[in-house]
Amino acid sequence: MEKHYLHFNAAAMMDAAKGYVTYMNEGGKNMVTLAGAKEHC
């Protein structure tokens, strides 16, 4: 990420990614939920 993400928002994204890694390494937990709409024909 540090090599290929060079757009204007790269610093914020890197800060968030590093914070996430630290959070997970310290025992943090996350839940992923998915939702969607069913297409009606």
PDB file of N, CA and C in Angstrom:
ATOM      1  N   MET A   1       0.821  -1.195   0.000  1.00  0.00           N
ATOM      2  CA  MET A   1       0.000   0.000   0.000  1.00  0.00           C
ATOM      3  C   MET A   1       0.862   1.255   0.000  1.00  0.00           C
ATOM      4  N   GLU A   2       1.943   1.231   0.724  1.00  0.00           N
ATOM      5  CA  GLU A   2       2.785   2.432   0.781  1.00  0.00           C
ATOM      6  C   GLU A   2       3.429   2.739  -0.565  1.00  0.00           C
ATOM      7  N   LYS A   3       3.601   1.714  -1.411  1.00  0.00           N
ATOM      8  CA  LYS A   3       4.248   1.916  -2.712  1.00  0.00           C
ATOM      9  C   LYS A   3       3.260   2.298  -3.807  1.00  0.00           C
ATOM     10  N   HIS A   4       2.069   1.694  -3.800  1.00  0.00           N
ATOM     11  CA  HIS A   4       1.165   1.840  -4.936  1.00  0.00           C
ATOM     12  C   HIS A   4       0.028   2.834  -4.727  1.00  0.00           C
ATOM     13  N   TYR A   5      -0.299   3.169  -3.494  1.00  0.00           N
ATOM     14  CA  TYR A   5      -1.397   4.098  -3.244  1.00  0.00           C
ATOM     15  C   TYR A   5      -0.835   5.488  -3.004  1.00  0.00           C
ATOM     16  N   LEU A   6      -0.665   6.236  -4.065  1.00  0.00           N
ATOM     17  CA  LEU A   6      -0.022   7.533  -3.989  1.00  0.00           C
ATOM     18  C   LEU A   6      -0.986   8.686  -4.248  1.00  0.00           C
ATOM     19  N   HIS A   7      -2.281   8.438  -4.246  1.00  0.00           N
ATOM     20  CA  HIS A   7      -3.243   9.510  -4.477  1.00  0.00           C
ATOM     21  C   HIS A   7      -3.353  10.401  -3.241  1.00  0.00           C
ATOM     22  N   PHE A   8      -4.116  11.456  -3.328  1.00  0.00           N
ATOM     23  CA  PHE A   8      -4.170  12.470  -2.281  1.00  0.00           C
ATOM     24  C   PHE A   8      -4.628  11.933  -0.931  1.00  0.00           C
ATOM     25  N   ASN A   9      -5.397  10.867  -0.915  1.00  0.00           N
ATOM     26  CA  ASN A   9      -5.954  10.353   0.327  1.00  0.00           C
ATOM     27  C   ASN A   9      -5.145   9.176   0.885  1.00  0.00           C
ATOM     28  N   ALA A  10      -3.959   8.922   0.336  1.00  0.00           N
ATOM     29  CA  ALA A  10      -3.164   7.762   0.733  1.00  0.00           C
ATOM     30  C   ALA A  10      -2.747   7.820   2.202  1.00  0.00           C
ATOM     31  N   ALA A  11      -2.412   8.991   2.714  1.00  0.00           N
ATOM     32  CA  ALA A  11      -1.973   9.099   4.111  1.00  0.00           C
ATOM     33  C   ALA A  11      -3.090   8.687   5.065  1.00  0.00           C
ATOM     34  N   ALA A  12      -4.306   9.127   4.812  1.00  0.00           N
ATOM     35  CA  ALA A  12      -5.440   8.757   5.662  1.00  0.00           C
ATOM     36  C   ALA A  12      -5.715   7.262   5.572  1.00  0.00           C
ATOM     37  N   MET A  13      -5.618   6.685   4.380  1.00  0.00           N
ATOM     38  CA  MET A  13      -5.857   5.264   4.218  1.00  0.00           C
ATOM     39  C   MET A  13      -4.781   4.449   4.939  1.00  0.00           C
ATOM     40  N   MET A  14      -3.531   4.881   4.853  1.00  0.00           N
ATOM     41  CA  MET A  14      -2.451   4.173   5.541  1.00  0.00           C
ATOM     42  C   MET A  14      -2.620   4.266   7.052  1.00  0.00           C
ATOM     43  N   ASP A  15      -3.000   5.418   7.553  1.00  0.00           N
ATOM     44  CA  ASP A  15      -3.254   5.566   8.996  1.00  0.00           C
ATOM     45  C   ASP A  15      -4.360   4.614   9.446  1.00  0.00           C
ATOM     46  N   ALA A  16      -5.427   4.532   8.664  1.00  0.00           N
ATOM     47  CA  ALA A  16      -6.538   3.651   9.004  1.00  0.00           C
ATOM     48  C   ALA A  16      -6.103   2.190   8.960  1.00  0.00           C
ATOM     49  N   ALA A  17      -5.346   1.807   7.949  1.00  0.00           N
ATOM     50  CA  ALA A  17      -4.891   0.420   7.813  1.00  0.00           C
ATOM     51  C   ALA A  17      -3.966   0.033   8.966  1.00  0.00           C
ATOM     52  N   LYS A  18      -3.053   0.916   9.316  1.00  0.00           N
ATOM     53  CA  LYS A  18      -2.134   0.635  10.430  1.00  0.00           C
ATOM     54  C   LYS A  18      -2.895   0.565  11.750  1.00  0.00           C
ATOM     55  N   GLY A  19      -3.872   1.422  11.927  1.00  0.00           N
ATOM     56  CA  GLY A  19      -4.697   1.385  13.128  1.00  0.00           C
ATOM     57  C   GLY A  19      -5.495   0.098  13.219  1.00  0.00           C
ATOM     58  N   TYR A  20      -6.007  -0.372  12.086  1.00  0.00           N
ATOM     59  CA  TYR A  20      -6.762  -1.627  12.059  1.00  0.00           C
ATOM     60  C   TYR A  20      -5.869  -2.801  12.440  1.00  0.00           C
ATOM     61  N   VAL A  21      -4.656  -2.832  11.896  1.00  0.00           N
ATOM     62  CA  VAL A  21      -3.713  -3.906  12.222  1.00  0.00           C
ATOM     63  C   VAL A  21      -3.398  -3.892  13.713  1.00  0.00           C
ATOM     64  N   THR A  22      -3.145  -2.723  14.269  1.00  0.00           N
ATOM     65  CA  THR A  22      -2.872  -2.613  15.706  1.00  0.00           C
ATOM     66  C   THR A  22      -4.062  -3.092  16.516  1.00  0.00           C
ATOM     67  N   TYR A  23      -5.244  -2.671  16.141  1.00  0.00           N
ATOM     68  CA  TYR A  23      -6.477  -3.069  16.828  1.00  0.00           C
ATOM     69  C   TYR A  23      -6.628  -4.587  16.834  1.00  0.00           C
ATOM     70  N   MET A  24      -6.431  -5.219  15.672  1.00  0.00           N
ATOM     71  CA  MET A  24      -6.580  -6.669  15.581  1.00  0.00           C
ATOM     72  C   MET A  24      -5.476  -7.385  16.360  1.00  0.00           C
ATOM     73  N   ASN A  25      -4.260  -6.888  16.313  1.00  0.00           N
ATOM     74  CA  ASN A  25      -3.153  -7.512  17.044  1.00  0.00           C
ATOM     75  C   ASN A  25      -3.338  -7.428  18.551  1.00  0.00           C
ATOM     76  N   GLU A  26      -4.108  -6.460  19.005  1.00  0.00           N
ATOM     77  CA  GLU A  26      -4.366  -6.303  20.436  1.00  0.00           C
ATOM     78  C   GLU A  26      -5.622  -7.045  20.880  1.00  0.00           C
ATOM     79  N   GLY A  27      -6.142  -7.913  20.020  1.00  0.00           N
ATOM     80  CA  GLY A  27      -7.292  -8.735  20.387  1.00  0.00           C
ATOM     81  C   GLY A  27      -8.632  -8.185  19.964  1.00  0.00           C
ATOM     82  N   GLY A  28      -8.642  -7.148  19.162  1.00  0.00           N
ATOM     83  CA  GLY A  28      -9.899  -6.561  18.704  1.00  0.00           C
ATOM     84  C   GLY A  28     -10.691  -7.532  17.848  1.00  0.00           C
ATOM     85  N   LYS A  29     -11.978  -7.329  17.814  1.00  0.00           N
ATOM     86  CA  LYS A  29     -12.861  -8.182  17.021  1.00  0.00           C
ATOM     87  C   LYS A  29     -13.728  -7.321  16.126  1.00  0.00           C
ATOM     88  N   ASN A  30     -14.122  -7.887  14.994  1.00  0.00           N
ATOM     89  CA  ASN A  30     -14.992  -7.199  14.048  1.00  0.00           C
ATOM     90  C   ASN A  30     -16.080  -8.144  13.580  1.00  0.00           C
ATOM     91  N   MET A  31     -17.198  -7.579  13.175  1.00  0.00           N
ATOM     92  CA  MET A  31     -18.291  -8.348  12.605  1.00  0.00           C
ATOM     93  C   MET A  31     -18.589  -7.769  11.225  1.00  0.00           C
ATOM     94  N   VAL A  32     -18.753  -8.650  10.272  1.00  0.00           N
ATOM     95  CA  VAL A  32     -19.096  -8.223   8.923  1.00  0.00           C
ATOM     96  C   VAL A  32     -20.533  -8.646   8.655  1.00  0.00           C
ATOM     97  N   THR A  33     -21.340  -7.711   8.213  1.00  0.00           N
ATOM     98  CA  THR A  33     -22.716  -8.027   7.844  1.00  0.00           C
ATOM     99  C   THR A  33     -22.924  -7.639   6.387  1.00  0.00           C
ATOM    100  N   LEU A  34     -23.701  -8.421   5.704  1.00  0.00           N
ATOM    101  CA  LEU A  34     -24.006  -8.150   4.309  1.00  0.00           C
ATOM    102  C   LEU A  34     -25.513  -8.104   4.124  1.00  0.00           C
ATOM    103  N   ALA A  35     -25.960  -7.210   3.310  1.00  0.00           N
ATOM    104  CA  ALA A  35     -27.381  -7.108   3.014  1.00  0.00           C
ATOM    105  C   ALA A  35     -27.545  -6.773   1.539  1.00  0.00           C
ATOM    106  N   GLY A  36     -28.627  -7.181   0.999  1.00  0.00           N
ATOM    107  CA  GLY A  36     -28.876  -6.867  -0.404  1.00  0.00           C
ATOM    108  C   GLY A  36     -30.350  -6.968  -0.717  1.00  0.00           C
ATOM    109  N   ALA A  37     -30.683  -6.481  -1.857  1.00  0.00           N
ATOM    110  CA  ALA A  37     -32.072  -6.538  -2.301  1.00  0.00           C
ATOM    111  C   ALA A  37     -32.215  -7.645  -3.340  1.00  0.00           C
ATOM    112  N   LYS A  38     -33.289  -8.362  -3.249  1.00  0.00           N
ATOM    113  CA  LYS A  38     -33.571  -9.413  -4.218  1.00  0.00           C
ATOM    114  C   LYS A  38     -34.253  -8.795  -5.424  1.00  0.00           C
ATOM    115  N   GLU A  39     -33.759  -9.090  -6.593  1.00  0.00           N
ATOM    116  CA  GLU A  39     -34.338  -8.532  -7.812  1.00  0.00           C
ATOM    117  C   GLU A  39     -35.607  -9.286  -8.176  1.00  0.00           C
ATOM    118  N   HIS A  40     -36.656  -8.551  -8.467  1.00  0.00           N
ATOM    119  CA  HIS A  40     -37.918  -9.136  -8.887  1.00  0.00           C
ATOM    120  C   HIS A  40     -38.102  -8.911 -10.375  1.00  0.00           C
ATOM    121  N   CYS A  41     -38.482  -9.964 -11.073  1.00  0.00           N
ATOM    122  CA  CYS A  41     -38.688  -9.853 -12.528  1.00  0.00           C
ATOM    123  C   CYS A  41     -40.142  -9.667 -12.851  1.00  0.00           C
TER     124      CYS A  41
END
